[in-house]
C-alpha atoms as a PDB file:
ATOM      1  CA  MET A   1      -0.200   0.015   0.148  1.00  0.00           C
ATOM      2  CA  SER A   2       2.753   2.467   0.833  1.00  0.00           C
ATOM      3  CA  GLY A   3       3.822   2.081  -3.034  1.00  0.00           C
ATOM      4  CA  ILE A   4       0.695   3.375  -4.017  1.00  0.00           C
ATOM      5  CA  SER A   5       0.340   6.029  -1.711  1.00  0.00           C
ATOM      6  CA  SER A   6       4.114   7.435  -2.687  1.00  0.00           C
ATOM      7  CA  VAL A   7       2.652   7.482  -6.080  1.00  0.00           C
ATOM      8  CA  ARG A   8       0.044   9.634  -5.327  1.00  0.00           C
ATOM      9  CA  GLY A   9       1.791  11.838  -3.135  1.00  0.00           C
ATOM     10  CA  ALA A  10       4.422  12.233  -6.338  1.00  0.00           C
ATOM     11  CA  ASP A  11       1.052  13.000  -8.418  1.00  0.00           C
ATOM     12  CA  THR A  12       0.066  15.569  -5.742  1.00  0.00           C
ATOM     13  CA  LEU A  13       3.383  17.276  -6.016  1.00  0.00           C
ATOM     14  CA  VAL A  14       3.728  17.565  -9.523  1.00  0.00           C
ATOM     15  CA  CYS A  15       0.240  19.154  -9.966  1.00  0.00           C
ATOM     16  CA  SER A  16       0.903  21.554  -7.305  1.00  0.00           C
ATOM     17  CA  VAL A  17       4.086  22.453  -8.836  1.00  0.00           C
ATOM     18  CA  GLU A  18       2.556  22.793 -12.375  1.00  0.00           C
ATOM     19  CA  THR A  19      -0.116  24.838 -10.803  1.00  0.00           C
ATOM     20  CA  HIS A  20       2.094  27.225  -9.549  1.00  0.00           C
ATOM     21  CA  LEU A  21       4.333  27.301 -12.517  1.00  0.00           C
ATOM     22  CA  VAL A  22       1.442  28.397 -14.585  1.00  0.00           C
ATOM     23  CA  LEU A  23       0.560  30.802 -11.967  1.00  0.00           C
ATOM     24  CA  ALA A  24       4.046  32.186 -11.715  1.00  0.00           C
ATOM     25  CA  ARG A  25       4.547  32.587 -15.574  1.00  0.00           C
ATOM     26  CA  ALA A  26       0.956  34.486 -15.893  1.00  0.00           C
ATOM     27  CA  LEU A  27       2.410  37.013 -12.998  1.00  0.00           C
ATOM     28  CA  ILE A  28       5.526  37.156 -15.127  1.00  0.00           C
ATOM     29  CA  ALA A  29       3.527  38.077 -17.917  1.00  0.00           C
ATOM     30  CA  ARG A  30       1.707  40.820 -16.282  1.00  0.00           C
ATOM     31  CA  GLY A  31       5.141  41.974 -15.149  1.00  0.00           C
ATOM     32  CA  ASP A  32       4.766  41.362 -11.157  1.00  0.00           C
ATOM     33  CA  SER A  33       8.156  39.256 -10.975  1.00  0.00           C
ATOM     34  CA  ALA A  34       8.218  40.005  -7.161  1.00  0.00           C
ATOM     35  CA  ALA A  35       5.121  38.066  -6.894  1.00  0.00           C
ATOM     36  CA  ALA A  36       6.173  35.212  -9.143  1.00  0.00           C
ATOM     37  CA  SER A  37       9.209  34.898  -6.863  1.00  0.00           C
ATOM     38  CA  ALA A  38       7.538  34.857  -3.742  1.00  0.00           C
ATOM     39  CA  LEU A  39       5.133  32.118  -5.211  1.00  0.00           C
ATOM     40  CA  LEU A  40       7.938  30.154  -6.638  1.00  0.00           C
ATOM     41  CA  ALA A  41       9.757  30.492  -3.124  1.00  0.00           C
ATOM     42  CA  ALA A  42       6.997  29.027  -1.298  1.00  0.00           C
ATOM     43  CA  THR A  43       6.655  26.232  -3.862  1.00  0.00           C
ATOM     44  CA  PRO A  44       8.286  22.682  -2.925  1.00  0.00           C
ATOM     45  CA  SER A  45      11.344  22.369  -5.101  1.00  0.00           C
ATOM     46  CA  PRO A  46      11.219  19.079  -7.551  1.00  0.00           C
ATOM     47  CA  GLU A  47      14.810  18.863  -7.288  1.00  0.00           C
ATOM     48  CA  GLY A  48      15.796  15.568  -5.929  1.00  0.00           C
ATOM     49  CA  LYS A  49      12.449  14.032  -6.091  1.00  0.00           C
ATOM     50  CA  ALA A  50      11.227  11.118  -7.881  1.00  0.00           C
ATOM     51  CA  LEU A  51       9.421  13.483 -10.438  1.00  0.00           C
ATOM     52  CA  PRO A  52       9.269  13.881 -14.238  1.00  0.00           C
ATOM     53  CA  ILE A  53      11.996  15.600 -15.525  1.00  0.00           C
ATOM     54  CA  ALA A  54       9.754  18.250 -17.085  1.00  0.00           C
ATOM     55  CA  ALA A  55       8.691  19.334 -13.647  1.00  0.00           C
ATOM     56  CA  MET A  56      12.091  20.259 -12.447  1.00  0.00           C
ATOM     57  CA  LEU A  57      13.022  21.771 -15.894  1.00  0.00           C
ATOM     58  CA  ARG A  58       9.680  24.104 -16.004  1.00  0.00           C
ATOM     59  CA  PHE A  59      10.326  25.073 -12.661  1.00  0.00           C
ATOM     60  CA  ARG A  60      14.234  26.324 -13.265  1.00  0.00           C
ATOM     61  CA  ILE A  61      12.813  28.016 -16.167  1.00  0.00           C
ATOM     62  CA  ALA A  62      10.191  29.971 -14.204  1.00  0.00           C
ATOM     63  CA  SER A  63      12.525  30.379 -11.120  1.00  0.00           C
ATOM     64  CA  CYS A  64      14.941  32.295 -13.906  1.00  0.00           C
ATOM     65  CA  LEU A  65      12.147  34.092 -15.289  1.00  0.00           C
ATOM     66  CA  ALA A  66      11.312  35.518 -12.127  1.00  0.00           C
ATOM     67  CA  SER A  67      14.698  36.456 -11.057  1.00  0.00           C
ATOM     68  CA  GLY A  68      15.908  37.789 -14.560  1.00  0.00           C
ATOM     69  CA  GLU A  69      13.937  41.180 -13.432  1.00  0.00           C
ATOM     70  CA  SER A  70      16.112  41.260 -10.458  1.00  0.00           C
ATOM     71  CA  SER A  71      19.857  42.528 -10.450  1.00  0.00           C
ATOM     72  CA  ARG A  72      21.101  39.212 -10.831  1.00  0.00           C
ATOM     73  CA  ARG A  73      20.576  38.692 -14.608  1.00  0.00           C
ATOM     74  CA  VAL A  74      24.262  37.646 -15.128  1.00  0.00           C
ATOM     75  CA  GLU A  75      23.760  34.821 -12.648  1.00  0.00           C
ATOM     76  CA  VAL A  76      20.545  34.168 -14.473  1.00  0.00           C
ATOM     77  CA  CYS A  77      21.812  33.723 -17.971  1.00  0.00           C
ATOM     78  CA  ARG A  78      24.738  31.548 -16.700  1.00  0.00           C
ATOM     79  CA  ARG A  79      22.070  29.067 -14.857  1.00  0.00           C
ATOM     80  CA  MET A  80      20.150  29.282 -18.285  1.00  0.00           C
ATOM     81  CA  ASP A  81      23.058  28.648 -20.310  1.00  0.00           C
ATOM     82  CA  ALA A  82      23.957  25.679 -18.106  1.00  0.00           C
ATOM     83  CA  GLN A  83      20.441  24.358 -18.206  1.00  0.00           C
ATOM     84  CA  ALA A  84      20.293  24.739 -22.117  1.00  0.00           C
ATOM     85  CA  ALA A  85      23.541  22.579 -22.154  1.00  0.00           C
ATOM     86  CA  GLU A  86      22.212  19.871 -19.898  1.00  0.00           C
ATOM     87  CA  VAL A  87      18.831  19.533 -21.654  1.00  0.00           C
ATOM     88  CA  SER A  88      20.809  19.426 -25.108  1.00  0.00           C
ATOM     89  CA  ARG A  89      23.194  16.511 -23.375  1.00  0.00           C
ATOM     90  CA  LEU A  90      19.865  14.835 -22.520  1.00  0.00           C
ATOM     91  CA  GLY A  91      18.725  15.307 -25.806  1.00  0.00           C
ATOM     92  CA  LEU A  92      15.648  17.033 -24.795  1.00  0.00           C
ATOM     93  CA  VAL A  93      15.174  19.228 -27.738  1.00  0.00           C
ATOM     94  CA  ALA A  94      11.731  20.977 -26.606  1.00  0.00           C
ATOM     95  CA  PHE A  95      13.309  22.129 -23.408  1.00  0.00           C
ATOM     96  CA  GLU A  96      16.539  23.216 -24.960  1.00  0.00           C
ATOM     97  CA  LYS A  97      14.220  25.530 -27.280  1.00  0.00           C
ATOM     98  CA  GLU A  98      12.236  26.658 -24.104  1.00  0.00           C
ATOM     99  CA  THR A  99      15.157  27.261 -22.002  1.00  0.00           C
ATOM    100  CA  ARG A 100      17.051  29.405 -25.060  1.00  0.00           C
ATOM    101  CA  LEU A 101      13.577  31.421 -25.577  1.00  0.00           C
ATOM    102  CA  ALA A 102      13.291  32.153 -21.816  1.00  0.00           C
ATOM    103  CA  ARG A 103      17.307  33.299 -21.733  1.00  0.00           C
ATOM    104  CA  GLU A 104      16.297  35.658 -24.765  1.00  0.00           C
ATOM    105  CA  SER A 105      13.522  37.083 -22.990  1.00  0.00           C
ATOM    106  CA  ILE A 106      15.454  37.794 -19.944  1.00  0.00           C
ATOM    107  CA  VAL A 107      18.344  39.555 -22.303  1.00  0.00           C
ATOM    108  CA  LYS A 108      15.535  41.601 -24.107  1.00  0.00           C
ATOM    109  CA  SER A 109      13.830  42.863 -20.869  1.00  0.00           C
ATOM    110  CA  THR A 110      17.478  43.659 -19.790  1.00  0.00           C
ATOM    111  CA  ALA A 111      18.001  45.757 -23.066  1.00  0.00           C
ATOM    112  CA  LEU A 112      14.613  47.387 -22.854  1.00  0.00           C
ATOM    113  CA  ASN A 113      15.088  48.388 -19.360  1.00  0.00           C
ATOM    114  CA  ALA A 114      18.378  49.913 -19.976  1.00  0.00           C
ATOM    115  CA  ARG A 115      17.185  52.335 -22.272  1.00  0.00           C
END
């Protein structure tokens, strides 16, 4: 029985993380990166858990997008580059593209804010 309950627990965690990620992306799209950062900080990280890799990668991307509005843009871009290299090495083309697009979005917003 414990195997079934652990699967249900993992499913619940994935749903919770995915829900928070959708909300965080909506907040970022509205320009409220502070609220998105706070939401992601309260979201249990999928890192190191027996969850689908997609949940972890989406969490990382959303975290970087939320942090991209802060003064740590160089660090965020480095994290995005590292993730792009990792997903490329794993052959996850869709996530490689999503990571690169998110990085470009951060760079673009930096350029716009500099004007």
